[in-house]
Amino acid sequence: MKDLVEVIAKALVENPDEVVVTETEEEDTIYVELKVGSSDMGKVIGKQGRIAKAIRTVVKAASSKTDKKVVVDIM
């Protein structure tokens, strides 16, 4: 999931070098944290959070093969 979020985020932002994705895994949940530069935050979130919601939807669809829940946090 980390790679998927990283590829999507780097395609959206102007400064792909500032994209940092960390992944932590617990029993039945995978937490993915996305950090981008402050100037690119609006591009990742989108108007009314539409792009952030789309990223979460894509990750949820990709994780449907596993039995774990994936949570994407944008920092």
N, C-alpha and C. Protein backbone atom coordinates (compact mmCIF):
# COMPACT_ATOMS: atom_id res chain seq x y z
N MET A 1 0.82 -1.20 0.00
CA MET A 1 0.00 0.00 0.00
C MET A 1 0.86 1.26 0.00
N LYS A 2 2.01 1.17 0.65
CA LYS A 2 2.90 2.32 0.73
C LYS A 2 3.31 2.77 -0.67
N ASP A 3 3.67 1.82 -1.52
CA ASP A 3 4.12 2.17 -2.86
C ASP A 3 3.00 2.81 -3.68
N LEU A 4 1.80 2.29 -3.54
CA LEU A 4 0.65 2.83 -4.27
C LEU A 4 0.39 4.28 -3.89
N VAL A 5 0.37 4.57 -2.60
CA VAL A 5 0.12 5.94 -2.13
C VAL A 5 1.24 6.86 -2.59
N GLU A 6 2.46 6.36 -2.56
CA GLU A 6 3.61 7.18 -2.96
C GLU A 6 3.55 7.53 -4.44
N VAL A 7 3.21 6.59 -5.28
CA VAL A 7 3.11 6.84 -6.72
C VAL A 7 2.01 7.87 -7.01
N ILE A 8 0.88 7.70 -6.38
CA ILE A 8 -0.24 8.64 -6.59
C ILE A 8 0.14 10.04 -6.13
N ALA A 9 0.73 10.15 -4.95
CA ALA A 9 1.07 11.46 -4.40
C ALA A 9 2.14 12.16 -5.23
N LYS A 10 3.14 11.42 -5.66
CA LYS A 10 4.20 12.04 -6.46
C LYS A 10 3.68 12.53 -7.81
N ALA A 11 2.65 11.89 -8.33
CA ALA A 11 2.07 12.34 -9.60
C ALA A 11 1.27 13.63 -9.42
N LEU A 12 0.79 13.89 -8.22
CA LEU A 12 -0.06 15.05 -7.98
C LEU A 12 0.71 16.33 -7.64
N VAL A 13 1.83 16.19 -6.97
CA VAL A 13 2.52 17.36 -6.41
C VAL A 13 3.56 17.94 -7.36
N GLU A 14 3.97 19.18 -7.07
CA GLU A 14 5.02 19.83 -7.86
C GLU A 14 6.41 19.45 -7.36
N ASN A 15 6.53 19.13 -6.07
CA ASN A 15 7.81 18.75 -5.48
C ASN A 15 7.77 17.31 -5.00
N PRO A 16 7.98 16.35 -5.91
CA PRO A 16 7.88 14.95 -5.50
C PRO A 16 8.96 14.51 -4.51
N ASP A 17 10.03 15.30 -4.39
CA ASP A 17 11.08 14.95 -3.43
C ASP A 17 10.62 15.12 -1.99
N GLU A 18 9.61 15.93 -1.77
CA GLU A 18 9.12 16.19 -0.42
C GLU A 18 8.06 15.19 0.04
N VAL A 19 7.69 14.24 -0.81
CA VAL A 19 6.68 13.24 -0.46
C VAL A 19 7.33 12.16 0.40
N VAL A 20 6.75 11.94 1.58
CA VAL A 20 7.23 10.90 2.49
C VAL A 20 6.03 10.05 2.89
N VAL A 21 6.15 8.75 2.68
CA VAL A 21 5.08 7.82 3.04
C VAL A 21 5.62 6.81 4.02
N THR A 22 4.94 6.67 5.16
CA THR A 22 5.34 5.66 6.14
C THR A 22 4.17 4.71 6.36
N GLU A 23 4.50 3.48 6.63
CA GLU A 23 3.47 2.46 6.82
C GLU A 23 3.74 1.70 8.11
N THR A 24 2.73 1.62 8.95
CA THR A 24 2.82 0.83 10.17
C THR A 24 1.69 -0.18 10.16
N GLU A 25 1.97 -1.35 10.68
CA GLU A 25 1.00 -2.42 10.62
C GLU A 25 0.72 -2.95 12.02
N GLU A 26 -0.56 -3.07 12.32
CA GLU A 26 -0.99 -3.66 13.58
C GLU A 26 -1.72 -4.96 13.26
N GLU A 27 -2.45 -5.49 14.20
CA GLU A 27 -3.08 -6.79 14.04
C GLU A 27 -3.92 -6.90 12.77
N ASP A 28 -4.93 -6.06 12.65
CA ASP A 28 -5.82 -6.16 11.50
C ASP A 28 -5.95 -4.84 10.75
N THR A 29 -5.01 -3.91 10.98
CA THR A 29 -5.07 -2.59 10.36
C THR A 29 -3.69 -2.17 9.88
N ILE A 30 -3.66 -1.56 8.72
CA ILE A 30 -2.43 -0.97 8.18
C ILE A 30 -2.64 0.53 8.14
N TYR A 31 -1.73 1.27 8.77
CA TYR A 31 -1.80 2.73 8.79
C TYR A 31 -0.76 3.27 7.82
N VAL A 32 -1.22 4.11 6.87
CA VAL A 32 -0.33 4.73 5.91
C VAL A 32 -0.39 6.23 6.14
N GLU A 33 0.77 6.83 6.43
CA GLU A 33 0.84 8.28 6.64
C GLU A 33 1.52 8.93 5.44
N LEU A 34 0.86 9.93 4.89
CA LEU A 34 1.39 10.66 3.74
C LEU A 34 1.75 12.07 4.18
N LYS A 35 3.01 12.45 3.95
CA LYS A 35 3.45 13.80 4.27
C LYS A 35 3.96 14.44 2.99
N VAL A 36 3.46 15.64 2.72
CA VAL A 36 3.89 16.41 1.54
C VAL A 36 4.30 17.80 1.99
N GLY A 37 4.92 18.54 1.10
CA GLY A 37 5.30 19.91 1.40
C GLY A 37 4.08 20.78 1.61
N SER A 38 4.26 21.85 2.36
CA SER A 38 3.11 22.71 2.67
C SER A 38 2.51 23.35 1.43
N SER A 39 3.33 23.60 0.42
CA SER A 39 2.80 24.22 -0.80
C SER A 39 1.99 23.23 -1.64
N ASP A 40 2.19 21.94 -1.43
CA ASP A 40 1.48 20.92 -2.19
C ASP A 40 0.29 20.32 -1.45
N MET A 41 0.05 20.75 -0.24
CA MET A 41 -1.01 20.16 0.57
C MET A 41 -2.38 20.29 -0.09
N GLY A 42 -2.66 21.43 -0.67
CA GLY A 42 -3.95 21.65 -1.32
C GLY A 42 -4.16 20.75 -2.53
N LYS A 43 -3.09 20.42 -3.22
CA LYS A 43 -3.22 19.55 -4.39
C LYS A 43 -3.53 18.12 -3.99
N VAL A 44 -3.03 17.70 -2.86
CA VAL A 44 -3.27 16.33 -2.40
C VAL A 44 -4.66 16.21 -1.78
N ILE A 45 -5.12 17.26 -1.11
CA ILE A 45 -6.44 17.21 -0.48
C ILE A 45 -7.54 17.49 -1.51
N GLY A 46 -7.34 18.50 -2.35
CA GLY A 46 -8.33 18.83 -3.37
C GLY A 46 -9.48 19.64 -2.81
N LYS A 47 -10.35 20.09 -3.70
CA LYS A 47 -11.50 20.88 -3.27
C LYS A 47 -12.45 19.98 -2.50
N GLN A 48 -12.80 20.41 -1.32
CA GLN A 48 -13.70 19.70 -0.41
C GLN A 48 -13.21 18.27 -0.13
N GLY A 49 -11.89 18.04 -0.25
CA GLY A 49 -11.32 16.74 0.09
C GLY A 49 -11.56 15.66 -0.95
N ARG A 50 -11.89 16.04 -2.15
CA ARG A 50 -12.24 15.04 -3.16
C ARG A 50 -11.06 14.17 -3.57
N ILE A 51 -9.88 14.77 -3.72
CA ILE A 51 -8.72 13.98 -4.13
C ILE A 51 -8.29 13.07 -3.00
N ALA A 52 -8.32 13.56 -1.76
CA ALA A 52 -7.97 12.72 -0.61
C ALA A 52 -8.94 11.54 -0.51
N LYS A 53 -10.19 11.79 -0.75
CA LYS A 53 -11.19 10.72 -0.72
C LYS A 53 -10.94 9.71 -1.83
N ALA A 54 -10.56 10.20 -3.00
CA ALA A 54 -10.27 9.31 -4.13
C ALA A 54 -9.05 8.44 -3.84
N ILE A 55 -8.02 9.02 -3.22
CA ILE A 55 -6.84 8.24 -2.84
C ILE A 55 -7.23 7.13 -1.87
N ARG A 56 -8.04 7.47 -0.89
CA ARG A 56 -8.49 6.46 0.09
C ARG A 56 -9.33 5.37 -0.58
N THR A 57 -10.15 5.75 -1.55
CA THR A 57 -10.97 4.77 -2.26
C THR A 57 -10.11 3.80 -3.06
N VAL A 58 -9.11 4.32 -3.75
CA VAL A 58 -8.23 3.47 -4.54
C VAL A 58 -7.45 2.51 -3.64
N VAL A 59 -6.96 3.01 -2.51
CA VAL A 59 -6.22 2.16 -1.58
C VAL A 59 -7.14 1.10 -0.98
N LYS A 60 -8.36 1.48 -0.67
CA LYS A 60 -9.32 0.51 -0.13
C LYS A 60 -9.61 -0.59 -1.14
N ALA A 61 -9.76 -0.22 -2.40
CA ALA A 61 -10.00 -1.22 -3.45
C ALA A 61 -8.80 -2.14 -3.62
N ALA A 62 -7.61 -1.58 -3.54
CA ALA A 62 -6.40 -2.40 -3.67
C ALA A 62 -6.20 -3.33 -2.49
N SER A 63 -6.70 -2.93 -1.32
CA SER A 63 -6.52 -3.75 -0.12
C SER A 63 -7.63 -4.77 0.06
N SER A 64 -8.57 -4.82 -0.85
CA SER A 64 -9.69 -5.74 -0.70
C SER A 64 -9.25 -7.20 -0.78
N LYS A 65 -8.10 -7.45 -1.37
CA LYS A 65 -7.59 -8.82 -1.45
C LYS A 65 -7.07 -9.32 -0.12
N THR A 66 -6.67 -8.40 0.74
CA THR A 66 -6.20 -8.77 2.07
C THR A 66 -7.35 -8.63 3.06
N ASP A 67 -7.20 -9.21 4.21
CA ASP A 67 -8.23 -9.13 5.24
C ASP A 67 -7.98 -7.98 6.20
N LYS A 68 -7.11 -7.06 5.83
CA LYS A 68 -6.75 -5.97 6.72
C LYS A 68 -7.38 -4.67 6.25
N LYS A 69 -7.71 -3.84 7.22
CA LYS A 69 -8.25 -2.50 6.94
C LYS A 69 -7.07 -1.55 6.74
N VAL A 70 -7.17 -0.67 5.77
CA VAL A 70 -6.11 0.30 5.50
C VAL A 70 -6.63 1.71 5.80
N VAL A 71 -5.87 2.45 6.60
CA VAL A 71 -6.22 3.81 6.96
C VAL A 71 -5.15 4.74 6.39
N VAL A 72 -5.56 5.72 5.58
CA VAL A 72 -4.62 6.68 4.98
C VAL A 72 -4.81 8.02 5.68
N ASP A 73 -3.72 8.50 6.28
CA ASP A 73 -3.73 9.81 6.95
C ASP A 73 -2.82 10.75 6.17
N ILE A 74 -3.30 11.95 5.91
CA ILE A 74 -2.52 12.96 5.23
C ILE A 74 -2.10 13.98 6.26
N MET A 75 -0.79 14.13 6.41
CA MET A 75 -0.23 15.02 7.44
C MET A 75 0.19 16.33 6.81
